[in-house]
N, C-alpha and C. Protein backbone atom coordinates (compact mmCIF):
# COMPACT_ATOMS: atom_id res chain seq x y z
N MET A 1 -5.33 -0.84 -3.88
CA MET A 1 -4.19 0.00 -4.12
C MET A 1 -4.54 1.46 -3.92
N SER A 2 -5.67 1.87 -4.44
CA SER A 2 -6.07 3.27 -4.28
C SER A 2 -6.31 3.61 -2.82
N ASN A 3 -6.81 2.65 -2.05
CA ASN A 3 -7.03 2.88 -0.62
C ASN A 3 -5.70 3.05 0.11
N LEU A 4 -4.69 2.29 -0.27
CA LEU A 4 -3.37 2.44 0.33
C LEU A 4 -2.78 3.81 0.00
N ARG A 5 -2.91 4.24 -1.24
CA ARG A 5 -2.42 5.57 -1.63
C ARG A 5 -3.13 6.65 -0.84
N LYS A 6 -4.43 6.50 -0.69
CA LYS A 6 -5.22 7.48 0.06
C LYS A 6 -4.75 7.54 1.51
N THR A 7 -4.51 6.38 2.11
CA THR A 7 -4.04 6.33 3.51
C THR A 7 -2.70 7.03 3.66
N ILE A 8 -1.79 6.78 2.74
CA ILE A 8 -0.46 7.42 2.80
C ILE A 8 -0.60 8.93 2.70
N ARG A 9 -1.44 9.40 1.80
CA ARG A 9 -1.65 10.84 1.65
C ARG A 9 -2.32 11.44 2.89
N GLU A 10 -3.35 10.77 3.41
CA GLU A 10 -4.06 11.29 4.59
C GLU A 10 -3.14 11.40 5.80
N ARG A 11 -2.25 10.44 5.93
CA ARG A 11 -1.33 10.45 7.08
C ARG A 11 -0.10 11.32 6.81
N GLU A 12 -0.06 11.91 5.62
CA GLU A 12 1.00 12.83 5.21
C GLU A 12 2.39 12.23 5.37
N TRP A 13 2.50 10.95 5.03
CA TRP A 13 3.79 10.28 5.08
C TRP A 13 4.59 10.62 3.83
N THR A 14 5.89 10.76 4.02
CA THR A 14 6.79 10.81 2.88
C THR A 14 6.91 9.38 2.35
N GLN A 15 7.48 9.22 1.19
CA GLN A 15 7.67 7.87 0.67
C GLN A 15 8.61 7.08 1.58
N GLU A 16 9.59 7.74 2.16
CA GLU A 16 10.51 7.05 3.08
C GLU A 16 9.78 6.58 4.34
N GLU A 17 8.91 7.43 4.88
CA GLU A 17 8.13 7.05 6.07
C GLU A 17 7.20 5.88 5.75
N ALA A 18 6.53 5.96 4.62
CA ALA A 18 5.64 4.88 4.21
C ALA A 18 6.41 3.59 4.01
N ALA A 19 7.59 3.68 3.43
CA ALA A 19 8.42 2.49 3.21
C ALA A 19 8.75 1.81 4.54
N LYS A 20 9.06 2.59 5.56
CA LYS A 20 9.38 2.01 6.87
C LYS A 20 8.16 1.31 7.47
N VAL A 21 7.01 1.97 7.42
CA VAL A 21 5.79 1.38 7.97
C VAL A 21 5.40 0.12 7.20
N LEU A 22 5.51 0.17 5.90
CA LEU A 22 5.09 -0.95 5.05
C LEU A 22 6.15 -2.04 4.95
N ASN A 23 7.36 -1.72 5.41
CA ASN A 23 8.48 -2.67 5.36
C ASN A 23 8.81 -3.07 3.92
N ILE A 24 8.83 -2.05 3.06
CA ILE A 24 9.22 -2.24 1.66
C ILE A 24 10.18 -1.11 1.29
N GLY A 25 10.80 -1.20 0.14
CA GLY A 25 11.70 -0.15 -0.31
C GLY A 25 10.95 1.08 -0.79
N GLN A 26 11.63 2.21 -0.76
CA GLN A 26 11.03 3.47 -1.21
C GLN A 26 10.60 3.39 -2.67
N SER A 27 11.36 2.66 -3.48
CA SER A 27 10.99 2.54 -4.90
C SER A 27 9.66 1.80 -5.07
N ARG A 28 9.38 0.86 -4.17
CA ARG A 28 8.09 0.14 -4.21
C ARG A 28 6.96 1.08 -3.82
N VAL A 29 7.22 1.97 -2.85
CA VAL A 29 6.20 2.97 -2.48
C VAL A 29 5.93 3.87 -3.67
N SER A 30 6.99 4.25 -4.38
CA SER A 30 6.83 5.07 -5.57
C SER A 30 5.95 4.37 -6.60
N ASP A 31 6.19 3.07 -6.81
CA ASP A 31 5.34 2.29 -7.73
C ASP A 31 3.89 2.31 -7.26
N LEU A 32 3.69 2.15 -5.97
CA LEU A 32 2.35 2.15 -5.40
C LEU A 32 1.67 3.50 -5.64
N MET A 33 2.38 4.58 -5.36
CA MET A 33 1.81 5.91 -5.49
C MET A 33 1.53 6.28 -6.95
N ARG A 34 2.26 5.70 -7.87
CA ARG A 34 2.05 5.96 -9.30
C ARG A 34 1.01 5.04 -9.91
N GLY A 35 0.46 4.12 -9.08
CA GLY A 35 -0.59 3.24 -9.57
C GLY A 35 -0.13 2.16 -10.51
N LYS A 36 1.09 1.71 -10.34
CA LYS A 36 1.62 0.66 -11.21
C LYS A 36 1.09 -0.70 -10.75
N TRP A 37 -0.15 -0.98 -11.10
CA TRP A 37 -0.88 -2.16 -10.66
C TRP A 37 -0.14 -3.46 -10.95
N GLU A 38 0.50 -3.53 -12.11
CA GLU A 38 1.12 -4.77 -12.55
C GLU A 38 2.30 -5.19 -11.68
N LYS A 39 2.79 -4.31 -10.85
CA LYS A 39 3.96 -4.63 -10.02
C LYS A 39 3.59 -5.22 -8.66
N PHE A 40 2.28 -5.34 -8.38
CA PHE A 40 1.83 -5.82 -7.07
C PHE A 40 0.85 -6.97 -7.22
N SER A 41 1.14 -8.03 -6.50
CA SER A 41 0.20 -9.15 -6.46
C SER A 41 -0.91 -8.83 -5.46
N LEU A 42 -1.99 -9.55 -5.56
CA LEU A 42 -3.08 -9.39 -4.60
C LEU A 42 -2.58 -9.67 -3.19
N ASP A 43 -1.78 -10.71 -3.04
CA ASP A 43 -1.22 -11.05 -1.72
C ASP A 43 -0.43 -9.89 -1.14
N MET A 44 0.39 -9.25 -1.95
CA MET A 44 1.20 -8.13 -1.47
C MET A 44 0.32 -6.95 -1.08
N LEU A 45 -0.70 -6.65 -1.87
CA LEU A 45 -1.59 -5.54 -1.52
C LEU A 45 -2.33 -5.80 -0.22
N ILE A 46 -2.74 -7.04 0.00
CA ILE A 46 -3.40 -7.39 1.26
C ILE A 46 -2.42 -7.22 2.42
N THR A 47 -1.19 -7.69 2.25
CA THR A 47 -0.17 -7.56 3.29
C THR A 47 0.08 -6.09 3.62
N LEU A 48 0.20 -5.26 2.61
CA LEU A 48 0.45 -3.84 2.84
C LEU A 48 -0.73 -3.17 3.54
N ALA A 49 -1.93 -3.53 3.15
CA ALA A 49 -3.12 -2.97 3.80
C ALA A 49 -3.16 -3.34 5.28
N ILE A 50 -2.83 -4.56 5.59
CA ILE A 50 -2.79 -5.00 6.99
C ILE A 50 -1.73 -4.22 7.76
N ARG A 51 -0.59 -3.97 7.14
CA ARG A 51 0.50 -3.25 7.80
C ARG A 51 0.13 -1.82 8.16
N VAL A 52 -0.81 -1.22 7.44
CA VAL A 52 -1.26 0.13 7.80
C VAL A 52 -2.52 0.10 8.66
N GLY A 53 -2.93 -1.10 9.07
CA GLY A 53 -4.04 -1.23 10.01
C GLY A 53 -5.41 -1.38 9.38
N LYS A 54 -5.45 -1.70 8.12
CA LYS A 54 -6.75 -1.90 7.45
C LYS A 54 -7.27 -3.30 7.71
N ARG A 55 -8.57 -3.44 7.74
CA ARG A 55 -9.22 -4.75 7.83
C ARG A 55 -9.55 -5.19 6.41
N ILE A 56 -9.37 -6.46 6.16
CA ILE A 56 -9.58 -6.99 4.81
C ILE A 56 -10.82 -7.87 4.81
N GLY A 57 -11.65 -7.69 3.81
CA GLY A 57 -12.81 -8.54 3.60
C GLY A 57 -12.86 -8.93 2.13
N ILE A 58 -13.16 -10.18 1.88
CA ILE A 58 -13.23 -10.66 0.51
C ILE A 58 -14.62 -11.25 0.28
N THR A 59 -15.24 -10.80 -0.79
CA THR A 59 -16.57 -11.29 -1.15
C THR A 59 -16.48 -11.92 -2.53
N VAL A 60 -16.98 -13.13 -2.64
CA VAL A 60 -17.02 -13.83 -3.92
C VAL A 60 -18.47 -13.85 -4.38
N VAL A 61 -18.68 -13.41 -5.60
CA VAL A 61 -20.04 -13.33 -6.14
C VAL A 61 -20.17 -14.29 -7.29
């Protein structure tokens, strides 16, 4: 989640622009930017990361 917030800030997207890229509502982007962890499943965070072009790796220890 913090990586997604960082990407949005680095790309200087407004919440509306981020919502279009992520294919979610602006209110969900607001939740993301405010760090409301409980509102996002792991699956959703992975999906959003992929939508901004991030590569996902999972390590089980």
